[in-house]
PDB file of N, CA and C in Angstrom:
ATOM      1  N   MET A   1      77.862 150.764  48.872  1.00  0.00           N
ATOM      2  CA  MET A   1      77.051 149.570  49.015  1.00  0.00           C
ATOM      3  C   MET A   1      75.908 149.875  49.980  1.00  0.00           C
ATOM      4  N   LYS A   2      74.736 149.400  49.656  1.00  0.00           N
ATOM      5  CA  LYS A   2      73.577 149.514  50.538  1.00  0.00           C
ATOM      6  C   LYS A   2      73.037 148.118  50.764  1.00  0.00           C
ATOM      7  N   SER A   3      72.431 147.883  51.905  1.00  0.00           N
ATOM      8  CA  SER A   3      72.041 146.535  52.280  1.00  0.00           C
ATOM      9  C   SER A   3      70.760 146.544  53.096  1.00  0.00           C
ATOM     10  N   ILE A   4      69.966 145.488  52.940  1.00  0.00           N
ATOM     11  CA  ILE A   4      68.771 145.257  53.752  1.00  0.00           C
ATOM     12  C   ILE A   4      68.935 143.884  54.381  1.00  0.00           C
ATOM     13  N   ASP A   5      68.652 143.766  55.665  1.00  0.00           N
ATOM     14  CA  ASP A   5      68.738 142.475  56.350  1.00  0.00           C
ATOM     15  C   ASP A   5      67.349 141.971  56.703  1.00  0.00           C
ATOM     16  N   LYS A   6      67.200 140.659  56.666  1.00  0.00           N
ATOM     17  CA  LYS A   6      65.978 140.015  57.131  1.00  0.00           C
ATOM     18  C   LYS A   6      66.414 138.818  57.958  1.00  0.00           C
ATOM     19  N   LEU A   7      65.875 138.688  59.166  1.00  0.00           N
ATOM     20  CA  LEU A   7      66.348 137.656  60.075  1.00  0.00           C
ATOM     21  C   LEU A   7      65.590 136.337  59.974  1.00  0.00           C
ATOM     22  N   ARG A   8      64.376 136.335  59.518  1.00  0.00           N
ATOM     23  CA  ARG A   8      63.568 135.112  59.509  1.00  0.00           C
ATOM     24  C   ARG A   8      63.037 134.831  58.111  1.00  0.00           C
ATOM     25  N   GLY A   9      63.307 133.660  57.588  1.00  0.00           N
ATOM     26  CA  GLY A   9      62.741 133.207  56.323  1.00  0.00           C
ATOM     27  C   GLY A   9      63.267 133.943  55.114  1.00  0.00           C
ATOM     28  N   PRO A  10      62.941 133.424  53.953  1.00  0.00           N
ATOM     29  CA  PRO A  10      63.369 134.069  52.708  1.00  0.00           C
ATOM     30  C   PRO A  10      62.735 135.435  52.530  1.00  0.00           C
ATOM     31  N   CYS A  11      63.418 136.312  51.827  1.00  0.00           N
ATOM     32  CA  CYS A  11      62.873 137.636  51.528  1.00  0.00           C
ATOM     33  C   CYS A  11      61.740 137.529  50.519  1.00  0.00           C
ATOM     34  N   GLU A  12      60.821 138.475  50.568  1.00  0.00           N
ATOM     35  CA  GLU A  12      59.758 138.538  49.590  1.00  0.00           C
ATOM     36  C   GLU A  12      60.369 138.906  48.237  1.00  0.00           C
ATOM     37  N   LEU A  13      59.707 138.504  47.168  1.00  0.00           N
ATOM     38  CA  LEU A  13      60.177 138.894  45.847  1.00  0.00           C
ATOM     39  C   LEU A  13      59.850 140.358  45.615  1.00  0.00           C
ATOM     40  N   ASN A  14      60.846 141.111  45.219  1.00  0.00           N
ATOM     41  CA  ASN A  14      60.678 142.528  44.923  1.00  0.00           C
ATOM     42  C   ASN A  14      61.221 142.805  43.534  1.00  0.00           C
ATOM     43  N   SER A  15      60.624 143.757  42.867  1.00  0.00           N
ATOM     44  CA  SER A  15      61.126 144.157  41.558  1.00  0.00           C
ATOM     45  C   SER A  15      62.332 145.080  41.740  1.00  0.00           C
ATOM     46  N   ARG A  16      63.084 145.248  40.685  1.00  0.00           N
ATOM     47  CA  ARG A  16      64.219 146.170  40.712  1.00  0.00           C
ATOM     48  C   ARG A  16      63.736 147.581  41.070  1.00  0.00           C
ATOM     49  N   ALA A  17      62.600 148.001  40.496  1.00  0.00           N
ATOM     50  CA  ALA A  17      62.064 149.339  40.756  1.00  0.00           C
ATOM     51  C   ALA A  17      61.722 149.517  42.239  1.00  0.00           C
ATOM     52  N   GLU A  18      61.123 148.495  42.862  1.00  0.00           N
ATOM     53  CA  GLU A  18      60.781 148.581  44.288  1.00  0.00           C
ATOM     54  C   GLU A  18      62.044 148.725  45.143  1.00  0.00           C
ATOM     55  N   LEU A  19      63.085 147.934  44.831  1.00  0.00           N
ATOM     56  CA  LEU A  19      64.320 148.013  45.602  1.00  0.00           C
ATOM     57  C   LEU A  19      65.033 149.348  45.381  1.00  0.00           C
ATOM     58  N   GLU A  20      65.015 149.847  44.143  1.00  0.00           N
ATOM     59  CA  GLU A  20      65.632 151.149  43.876  1.00  0.00           C
ATOM     60  C   GLU A  20      64.960 152.248  44.681  1.00  0.00           C
ATOM     61  N   GLU A  21      63.641 152.165  44.843  1.00  0.00           N
ATOM     62  CA  GLU A  21      62.912 153.162  45.628  1.00  0.00           C
ATOM     63  C   GLU A  21      63.343 153.114  47.093  1.00  0.00           C
ATOM     64  N   VAL A  22      63.484 151.912  47.656  1.00  0.00           N
ATOM     65  CA  VAL A  22      63.930 151.770  49.040  1.00  0.00           C
ATOM     66  C   VAL A  22      65.348 152.316  49.197  1.00  0.00           C
ATOM     67  N   PHE A  23      66.244 151.932  48.309  1.00  0.00           N
ATOM     68  CA  PHE A  23      67.644 152.330  48.438  1.00  0.00           C
ATOM     69  C   PHE A  23      67.875 153.818  48.159  1.00  0.00           C
ATOM     70  N   ARG A  24      66.981 154.448  47.429  1.00  0.00           N
ATOM     71  CA  ARG A  24      67.138 155.872  47.133  1.00  0.00           C
ATOM     72  C   ARG A  24      67.139 156.708  48.421  1.00  0.00           C
ATOM     73  N   THR A  25      66.424 156.259  49.451  1.00  0.00           N
ATOM     74  CA  THR A  25      66.319 157.017  50.695  1.00  0.00           C
ATOM     75  C   THR A  25      67.365 156.624  51.738  1.00  0.00           C
ATOM     76  N   MET A  26      68.150 155.572  51.473  1.00  0.00           N
ATOM     77  CA  MET A  26      69.141 155.109  52.449  1.00  0.00           C
ATOM     78  C   MET A  26      70.507 155.733  52.171  1.00  0.00           C
ATOM     79  N   PRO A  27      71.218 156.188  53.206  1.00  0.00           N
ATOM     80  CA  PRO A  27      72.557 156.739  52.983  1.00  0.00           C
ATOM     81  C   PRO A  27      73.551 155.630  52.642  1.00  0.00           C
ATOM     82  N   ALA A  28      74.489 155.923  51.749  1.00  0.00           N
ATOM     83  CA  ALA A  28      75.523 154.955  51.376  1.00  0.00           C
ATOM     84  C   ALA A  28      76.737 155.179  52.271  1.00  0.00           C
ATOM     85  N   VAL A  29      76.781 154.488  53.405  1.00  0.00           N
ATOM     86  CA  VAL A  29      77.884 154.647  54.352  1.00  0.00           C
ATOM     87  C   VAL A  29      78.808 153.428  54.364  1.00  0.00           C
ATOM     88  N   ILE A  30      78.447 152.405  53.594  1.00  0.00           N
ATOM     89  CA  ILE A  30      79.208 151.159  53.596  1.00  0.00           C
ATOM     90  C   ILE A  30      80.065 151.088  52.333  1.00  0.00           C
ATOM     91  N   SER A  31      81.307 150.658  52.514  1.00  0.00           N
ATOM     92  CA  SER A  31      82.198 150.451  51.375  1.00  0.00           C
ATOM     93  C   SER A  31      82.725 149.020  51.424  1.00  0.00           C
ATOM     94  N   TRP A  32      83.202 148.533  50.294  1.00  0.00           N
ATOM     95  CA  TRP A  32      83.744 147.183  50.276  1.00  0.00           C
ATOM     96  C   TRP A  32      84.939 147.122  49.337  1.00  0.00           C
ATOM     97  N   ARG A  33      85.785 146.130  49.604  1.00  0.00           N
ATOM     98  CA  ARG A  33      86.898 145.841  48.708  1.00  0.00           C
ATOM     99  C   ARG A  33      87.152 144.338  48.733  1.00  0.00           C
ATOM    100  N   TYR A  34      87.716 143.839  47.655  1.00  0.00           N
ATOM    101  CA  TYR A  34      88.045 142.424  47.546  1.00  0.00           C
ATOM    102  C   TYR A  34      89.503 142.241  47.910  1.00  0.00           C
ATOM    103  N   SER A  35      89.789 141.207  48.684  1.00  0.00           N
ATOM    104  CA  SER A  35      91.158 140.913  49.091  1.00  0.00           C
ATOM    105  C   SER A  35      91.409 139.424  48.894  1.00  0.00           C
ATOM    106  N   PHE A  36      92.591 139.072  48.431  1.00  0.00           N
ATOM    107  CA  PHE A  36      92.938 137.656  48.247  1.00  0.00           C
ATOM    108  C   PHE A  36      94.084 137.298  49.173  1.00  0.00           C
ATOM    109  N   SER A  37      93.898 136.231  49.963  1.00  0.00           N
ATOM    110  CA  SER A  37      94.924 135.771  50.890  1.00  0.00           C
ATOM    111  C   SER A  37      95.746 134.682  50.215  1.00  0.00           C
ATOM    112  N   ILE A  38      96.979 134.981  49.921  1.00  0.00           N
ATOM    113  CA  ILE A  38      97.854 133.990  49.273  1.00  0.00           C
ATOM    114  C   ILE A  38      98.094 132.784  50.187  1.00  0.00           C
ATOM    115  N   PRO A  39      98.392 132.974  51.488  1.00  0.00           N
ATOM    116  CA  PRO A  39      98.632 131.791  52.331  1.00  0.00           C
ATOM    117  C   PRO A  39      97.427 130.847  52.432  1.00  0.00           C
ATOM    118  N   TYR A  40      96.204 131.426  52.484  1.00  0.00           N
ATOM    119  CA  TYR A  40      95.003 130.598  52.621  1.00  0.00           C
ATOM    120  C   TYR A  40      94.369 130.240  51.285  1.00  0.00           C
ATOM    121  N   GLN A  41      94.837 130.869  50.196  1.00  0.00           N
ATOM    122  CA  GLN A  41      94.271 130.660  48.861  1.00  0.00           C
ATOM    123  C   GLN A  41      92.758 130.886  48.852  1.00  0.00           C
ATOM    124  N   LYS A  42      92.342 131.971  49.503  1.00  0.00           N
ATOM    125  CA  LYS A  42      90.925 132.327  49.573  1.00  0.00           C
ATOM    126  C   LYS A  42      90.762 133.814  49.328  1.00  0.00           C
ATOM    127  N   GLY A  43      89.635 134.154  48.725  1.00  0.00           N
ATOM    128  CA  GLY A  43      89.270 135.547  48.566  1.00  0.00           C
ATOM    129  C   GLY A  43      88.352 135.958  49.699  1.00  0.00           C
ATOM    130  N   ALA A  44      88.271 137.253  49.938  1.00  0.00           N
ATOM    131  CA  ALA A  44      87.391 137.766  50.982  1.00  0.00           C
ATOM    132  C   ALA A  44      86.887 139.142  50.594  1.00  0.00           C
ATOM    133  N   LEU A  45      85.678 139.449  51.041  1.00  0.00           N
ATOM    134  CA  LEU A  45      85.147 140.802  50.935  1.00  0.00           C
ATOM    135  C   LEU A  45      85.386 141.483  52.268  1.00  0.00           C
ATOM    136  N   VAL A  46      86.000 142.644  52.229  1.00  0.00           N
ATOM    137  CA  VAL A  46      86.263 143.409  53.433  1.00  0.00           C
ATOM    138  C   VAL A  46      85.305 144.601  53.419  1.00  0.00           C
ATOM    139  N   ILE A  47      84.442 144.667  54.437  1.00  0.00           N
ATOM    140  CA  ILE A  47      83.411 145.695  54.522  1.00  0.00           C
ATOM    141  C   ILE A  47      83.807 146.731  55.568  1.00  0.00           C
ATOM    142  N   GLY A  48      83.663 148.000  55.202  1.00  0.00           N
ATOM    143  CA  GLY A  48      83.927 149.092  56.132  1.00  0.00           C
ATOM    144  C   GLY A  48      82.746 150.041  56.175  1.00  0.00           C
ATOM    145  N   ARG A  49      82.737 150.926  57.161  1.00  0.00           N
ATOM    146  CA  ARG A  49      81.661 151.914  57.296  1.00  0.00           C
ATOM    147  C   ARG A  49      82.274 153.273  57.543  1.00  0.00           C
ATOM    148  N   SER A  50      81.755 154.280  56.848  1.00  0.00           N
ATOM    149  CA  SER A  50      82.251 155.645  57.046  1.00  0.00           C
ATOM    150  C   SER A  50      81.646 156.289  58.288  1.00  0.00           C
ATOM    151  N   ASP A  51      80.555 155.723  58.807  1.00  0.00           N
ATOM    152  CA  ASP A  51      79.895 156.309  59.979  1.00  0.00           C
ATOM    153  C   ASP A  51      80.302 155.646  61.299  1.00  0.00           C
ATOM    154  N   VAL A  52      81.159 154.607  61.253  1.00  0.00           N
ATOM    155  CA  VAL A  52      81.610 153.919  62.465  1.00  0.00           C
ATOM    156  C   VAL A  52      83.128 153.769  62.388  1.00  0.00           C
ATOM    157  N   LYS A  53      83.846 154.491  63.229  1.00  0.00           N
ATOM    158  CA  LYS A  53      85.309 154.477  63.200  1.00  0.00           C
ATOM    159  C   LYS A  53      85.855 153.082  63.527  1.00  0.00           C
ATOM    160  N   GLY A  54      86.791 152.605  62.695  1.00  0.00           N
ATOM    161  CA  GLY A  54      87.449 151.321  62.931  1.00  0.00           C
ATOM    162  C   GLY A  54      86.602 150.103  62.633  1.00  0.00           C
ATOM    163  N   TYR A  55      85.457 150.293  61.983  1.00  0.00           N
ATOM    164  CA  TYR A  55      84.545 149.180  61.711  1.00  0.00           C
ATOM    165  C   TYR A  55      85.090 148.312  60.586  1.00  0.00           C
ATOM    166  N   GLY A  56      84.966 146.991  60.716  1.00  0.00           N
ATOM    167  CA  GLY A  56      85.381 146.093  59.652  1.00  0.00           C
ATOM    168  C   GLY A  56      84.717 144.737  59.770  1.00  0.00           C
ATOM    169  N   GLU A  57      84.371 144.175  58.636  1.00  0.00           N
ATOM    170  CA  GLU A  57      83.826 142.818  58.560  1.00  0.00           C
ATOM    171  C   GLU A  57      84.606 142.077  57.484  1.00  0.00           C
ATOM    172  N   LEU A  58      84.783 140.767  57.668  1.00  0.00           N
ATOM    173  CA  LEU A  58      85.453 139.931  56.689  1.00  0.00           C
ATOM    174  C   LEU A  58      84.493 138.822  56.273  1.00  0.00           C
ATOM    175  N   TRP A  59      84.099 138.825  54.998  1.00  0.00           N
ATOM    176  CA  TRP A  59      83.143 137.859  54.470  1.00  0.00           C
ATOM    177  C   TRP A  59      83.828 136.956  53.446  1.00  0.00           C
ATOM    178  N   GLU A  60      83.608 135.648  53.561  1.00  0.00           N
ATOM    179  CA  GLU A  60      84.114 134.700  52.568  1.00  0.00           C
ATOM    180  C   GLU A  60      83.013 134.442  51.538  1.00  0.00           C
ATOM    181  N   PRO A  61      83.268 134.729  50.248  1.00  0.00           N
ATOM    182  CA  PRO A  61      82.232 134.536  49.227  1.00  0.00           C
ATOM    183  C   PRO A  61      82.289 133.143  48.597  1.00  0.00           C
ATOM    184  N   GLN A  62      81.121 132.606  48.285  1.00  0.00           N
ATOM    185  CA  GLN A  62      80.984 131.345  47.539  1.00  0.00           C
ATOM    186  C   GLN A  62      79.893 131.552  46.491  1.00  0.00           C
ATOM    187  N   ILE A  63      80.111 131.072  45.281  1.00  0.00           N
ATOM    188  CA  ILE A  63      79.106 131.159  44.218  1.00  0.00           C
ATOM    189  C   ILE A  63      78.490 129.783  44.022  1.00  0.00           C
ATOM    190  N   VAL A  64      77.158 129.733  43.968  1.00  0.00           N
ATOM    191  CA  VAL A  64      76.446 128.471  43.768  1.00  0.00           C
ATOM    192  C   VAL A  64      76.631 128.032  42.313  1.00  0.00           C
ATOM    193  N   ILE A  65      77.177 126.836  42.119  1.00  0.00           N
ATOM    194  CA  ILE A  65      77.373 126.295  40.764  1.00  0.00           C
ATOM    195  C   ILE A  65      76.457 125.105  40.487  1.00  0.00           C
ATOM    196  N   LYS A  66      75.783 124.601  41.538  1.00  0.00           N
ATOM    197  CA  LYS A  66      74.821 123.514  41.384  1.00  0.00           C
ATOM    198  C   LYS A  66      73.639 123.814  42.309  1.00  0.00           C
ATOM    199  N   PRO A  67      72.401 123.848  41.775  1.00  0.00           N
ATOM    200  CA  PRO A  67      71.242 124.193  42.609  1.00  0.00           C
ATOM    201  C   PRO A  67      71.077 123.211  43.773  1.00  0.00           C
ATOM    202  N   PHE A  68      70.598 123.744  44.915  1.00  0.00           N
ATOM    203  CA  PHE A  68      70.308 122.895  46.067  1.00  0.00           C
ATOM    204  C   PHE A  68      69.314 123.621  46.971  1.00  0.00           C
ATOM    205  N   ALA A  69      68.742 122.887  47.921  1.00  0.00           N
ATOM    206  CA  ALA A  69      67.818 123.465  48.900  1.00  0.00           C
ATOM    207  C   ALA A  69      68.363 123.191  50.293  1.00  0.00           C
ATOM    208  N   ASN A  70      68.153 124.168  51.193  1.00  0.00           N
ATOM    209  CA  ASN A  70      68.579 123.994  52.578  1.00  0.00           C
ATOM    210  C   ASN A  70      67.710 124.905  53.443  1.00  0.00           C
ATOM    211  N   GLY A  71      67.132 124.352  54.501  1.00  0.00           N
ATOM    212  CA  GLY A  71      66.322 125.145  55.420  1.00  0.00           C
ATOM    213  C   GLY A  71      65.113 125.788  54.778  1.00  0.00           C
ATOM    214  N   GLY A  72      64.553 125.162  53.750  1.00  0.00           N
ATOM    215  CA  GLY A  72      63.388 125.713  53.071  1.00  0.00           C
ATOM    216  C   GLY A  72      63.721 126.786  52.054  1.00  0.00           C
ATOM    217  N   VAL A  73      65.000 127.000  51.784  1.00  0.00           N
ATOM    218  CA  VAL A  73      65.441 128.007  50.818  1.00  0.00           C
ATOM    219  C   VAL A  73      66.031 127.312  49.603  1.00  0.00           C
ATOM    220  N   GLU A  74      65.608 127.755  48.420  1.00  0.00           N
ATOM    221  CA  GLU A  74      66.156 127.238  47.164  1.00  0.00           C
ATOM    222  C   GLU A  74      67.333 128.100  46.739  1.00  0.00           C
ATOM    223  N   PHE A  75      68.476 127.485  46.551  1.00  0.00           N
ATOM    224  CA  PHE A  75      69.669 128.181  46.083  1.00  0.00           C
ATOM    225  C   PHE A  75      69.841 127.871  44.604  1.00  0.00           C
ATOM    226  N   GLN A  76      69.996 128.918  43.794  1.00  0.00           N
ATOM    227  CA  GLN A  76      70.070 128.767  42.345  1.00  0.00           C
ATOM    228  C   GLN A  76      71.486 129.035  41.845  1.00  0.00           C
ATOM    229  N   VAL A  77      71.798 128.473  40.668  1.00  0.00           N
ATOM    230  CA  VAL A  77      73.093 128.727  40.046  1.00  0.00           C
ATOM    231  C   VAL A  77      73.285 130.239  39.910  1.00  0.00           C
ATOM    232  N   GLY A  78      74.443 130.735  40.318  1.00  0.00           N
ATOM    233  CA  GLY A  78      74.732 132.161  40.254  1.00  0.00           C
ATOM    234  C   GLY A  78      74.464 132.911  41.545  1.00  0.00           C
ATOM    235  N   ASP A  79      73.725 132.301  42.480  1.00  0.00           N
ATOM    236  CA  ASP A  79      73.517 132.944  43.781  1.00  0.00           C
ATOM    237  C   ASP A  79      74.861 133.098  44.486  1.00  0.00           C
ATOM    238  N   LEU A  80      74.945 134.094  45.334  1.00  0.00           N
ATOM    239  CA  LEU A  80      76.159 134.350  46.103  1.00  0.00           C
ATOM    240  C   LEU A  80      75.858 134.076  47.567  1.00  0.00           C
ATOM    241  N   ILE A  81      76.707 133.283  48.201  1.00  0.00           N
ATOM    242  CA  ILE A  81      76.583 133.016  49.629  1.00  0.00           C
ATOM    243  C   ILE A  81      77.822 133.612  50.287  1.00  0.00           C
ATOM    244  N   LEU A  82      77.595 134.455  51.294  1.00  0.00           N
ATOM    245  CA  LEU A  82      78.692 135.085  52.017  1.00  0.00           C
ATOM    246  C   LEU A  82      78.698 134.584  53.456  1.00  0.00           C
ATOM    247  N   TYR A  83      79.867 134.202  53.931  1.00  0.00           N
ATOM    248  CA  TYR A  83      80.038 133.746  55.306  1.00  0.00           C
ATOM    249  C   TYR A  83      80.821 134.805  56.069  1.00  0.00           C
ATOM    250  N   LEU A  84      80.226 135.329  57.153  1.00  0.00           N
ATOM    251  CA  LEU A  84      80.906 136.324  57.983  1.00  0.00           C
ATOM    252  C   LEU A  84      81.766 135.589  59.000  1.00  0.00           C
ATOM    253  N   ALA A  85      83.054 135.897  59.003  1.00  0.00           N
ATOM    254  CA  ALA A  85      83.985 135.247  59.919  1.00  0.00           C
ATOM    255  C   ALA A  85      84.283 136.154  61.107  1.00  0.00           C
ATOM    256  N   ASP A  86      84.237 135.591  62.305  1.00  0.00           N
ATOM    257  CA  ASP A  86      84.684 136.295  63.503  1.00  0.00           C
ATOM    258  C   ASP A  86      86.198 136.179  63.533  1.00  0.00           C
ATOM    259  N   LEU A  87      86.896 137.299  63.435  1.00  0.00           N
ATOM    260  CA  LEU A  87      88.351 137.270  63.338  1.00  0.00           C
ATOM    261  C   LEU A  87      89.016 136.822  64.634  1.00  0.00           C
ATOM    262  N   GLN A  88      88.311 136.887  65.742  1.00  0.00           N
ATOM    263  CA  GLN A  88      88.877 136.433  67.023  1.00  0.00           C
ATOM    264  C   GLN A  88      88.784 134.912  67.176  1.00  0.00           C
ATOM    265  N   THR A  89      87.599 134.349  66.841  1.00  0.00           N
ATOM    266  CA  THR A  89      87.378 132.911  67.057  1.00  0.00           C
ATOM    267  C   THR A  89      87.570 132.083  65.790  1.00  0.00           C
ATOM    268  N   HIS A  90      87.651 132.755  64.642  1.00  0.00           N
ATOM    269  CA  HIS A  90      87.767 132.097  63.341  1.00  0.00           C
ATOM    270  C   HIS A  90      86.566 131.193  63.055  1.00  0.00           C
ATOM    271  N   LYS A  91      85.392 131.577  63.549  1.00  0.00           N
ATOM    272  CA  LYS A  91      84.162 130.828  63.312  1.00  0.00           C
ATOM    273  C   LYS A  91      83.194 131.675  62.501  1.00  0.00           C
ATOM    274  N   ILE A  92      82.323 130.999  61.756  1.00  0.00           N
ATOM    275  CA  ILE A  92      81.298 131.685  60.981  1.00  0.00           C
ATOM    276  C   ILE A  92      80.211 132.155  61.932  1.00  0.00           C
ATOM    277  N   THR A  93      79.862 133.445  61.848  1.00  0.00           N
ATOM    278  CA  THR A  93      78.844 133.999  62.738  1.00  0.00           C
ATOM    279  C   THR A  93      77.572 134.417  62.009  1.00  0.00           C
ATOM    280  N   TRP A  94      77.621 134.524  60.675  1.00  0.00           N
ATOM    281  CA  TRP A  94      76.459 134.982  59.918  1.00  0.00           C
ATOM    282  C   TRP A  94      76.583 134.470  58.492  1.00  0.00           C
ATOM    283  N   ILE A  95      75.479 134.125  57.893  1.00  0.00           N
ATOM    284  CA  ILE A  95      75.466 133.709  56.490  1.00  0.00           C
ATOM    285  C   ILE A  95      74.501 134.614  55.743  1.00  0.00           C
ATOM    286  N   ARG A  96      74.943 135.133  54.614  1.00  0.00           N
ATOM    287  CA  ARG A  96      74.118 136.027  53.796  1.00  0.00           C
ATOM    288  C   ARG A  96      73.936 135.384  52.419  1.00  0.00           C
ATOM    289  N   HIS A  97      72.689 135.343  51.950  1.00  0.00           N
ATOM    290  CA  HIS A  97      72.347 134.754  50.657  1.00  0.00           C
ATOM    291  C   HIS A  97      71.896 135.884  49.735  1.00  0.00           C
ATOM    292  N   LEU A  98      72.594 136.043  48.606  1.00  0.00           N
ATOM    293  CA  LEU A  98      72.277 137.120  47.671  1.00  0.00           C
ATOM    294  C   LEU A  98      71.935 136.546  46.307  1.00  0.00           C
ATOM    295  N   ARG A  99      70.965 137.180  45.645  1.00  0.00           N
ATOM    296  CA  ARG A  99      70.569 136.774  44.299  1.00  0.00           C
ATOM    297  C   ARG A  99      70.376 138.028  43.474  1.00  0.00           C
ATOM    298  N   LYS A 100      70.833 137.994  42.244  1.00  0.00           N
ATOM    299  CA  LYS A 100      70.670 139.129  41.347  1.00  0.00           C
ATOM    300  C   LYS A 100      69.193 139.399  41.119  1.00  0.00           C
ATOM    301  N   VAL A 101      68.830 140.671  41.215  1.00  0.00           N
ATOM    302  CA  VAL A 101      67.456 141.078  40.950  1.00  0.00           C
ATOM    303  C   VAL A 101      67.410 141.602  39.532  1.00  0.00           C
ATOM    304  N   GLY A 102      66.512 141.082  38.737  1.00  0.00           N
ATOM    305  CA  GLY A 102      66.467 141.502  37.354  1.00  0.00           C
ATOM    306  C   GLY A 102      65.151 141.747  36.902  1.00  0.00           C
TER     307      GLY A 102
END
């Protein structure tokens, strides 16, 4: 898995070719797996890194099924929203909005 972060405002629109060019030069050090918690009845993405020993993130995924707007961002059907949970405090510390590039 490769990733780009942006801290302020929506990302610029990029073509698939532009993103492929950026990702071609980035090392793939991140891995992910899906895990389902039977007691909580929730799925989670577990993120690890090969370049950082003992690294782990737990993200709760949600798929947008009805369009909406929030904070000046338009969320479309099929978008993926990931919530990063702090395993110590059980609070959301980061929200990631993903959309398929086509």
